[in-house]
Amino acid sequence: MKGEILVNTSILPVGIKSRHIVEPRIDIYFPQITGLSNRTIEKNLNERIETQVYRMIRKQGYLENPQTEITGGFDLKNNQQNILSLTNSHYSYSGGAHGLTMVRSLTMDVESGKVYALKDLFKKGAKYQERINHLIREQIKSRDMDLLNEFKGIHPNQYFYVADKSLVIYFQLYELQAYVYGLTYFPISVYALEDIIDEQGPLGKMIY
């Protein structure tokens, strides 16, 4: 049709709806993907998100301690180029001076259905851990961070998410710093990793 504008819908943000868990001592919102053309991928990714949420609830002692109350929500960190990266954040309180916040994340390709581990973001054989460790140590020094525990390096199952043109490495409460500082985050520009990232992966899609 003359004058028709063609849009590549594959690069548009994926649809997200909020689900709400309301049970005794639980009030949690978490995301669910909607509108994918491949319903099997949509179902599998949504199950992965929901499984993470319920694992967090169990890990926070809800089943063991009748005093534990949990509230939670989510944040979409990246939703473009078929890459969805999100965090689920829960706050649990079981009495005492303060509660505890737990954050978990998922980074996924909504076209292929792949859920990424940190190693999957980089070229095969790339020494990504060494590079990231070096960049984190530089930030610790430049930000003059007060550490509770020495930074000994990231691990293969390191928590991370993708936010625009950054890879964000993060640590839970007390892993590196005292409670007053909250969780510890290290945003790393994709351009500092450009030579070792997988061009077809989430970080590559943020550049190319």
Foldseek 3Di string as FASTA:
>chain_A
DPPDDDDPCLFDFFDKDWDWDDDVLETEIWIATDDDPDVVLSVVVRVVRVVVVVVVCVVQPVVPAVQKHKYWYKDFQDGGNQKTKMKIKMWIDRDDDGTFIDIAMWIARSVVSDIDFPVQFWDPPDPVFVLVVVLVVVCCVVVVDDWPDDDPTADRRFGWTDHQQWIKTKDQAPPTHHPVVGIDIDTDGLVSVVVTGDLPDPNVVSPD
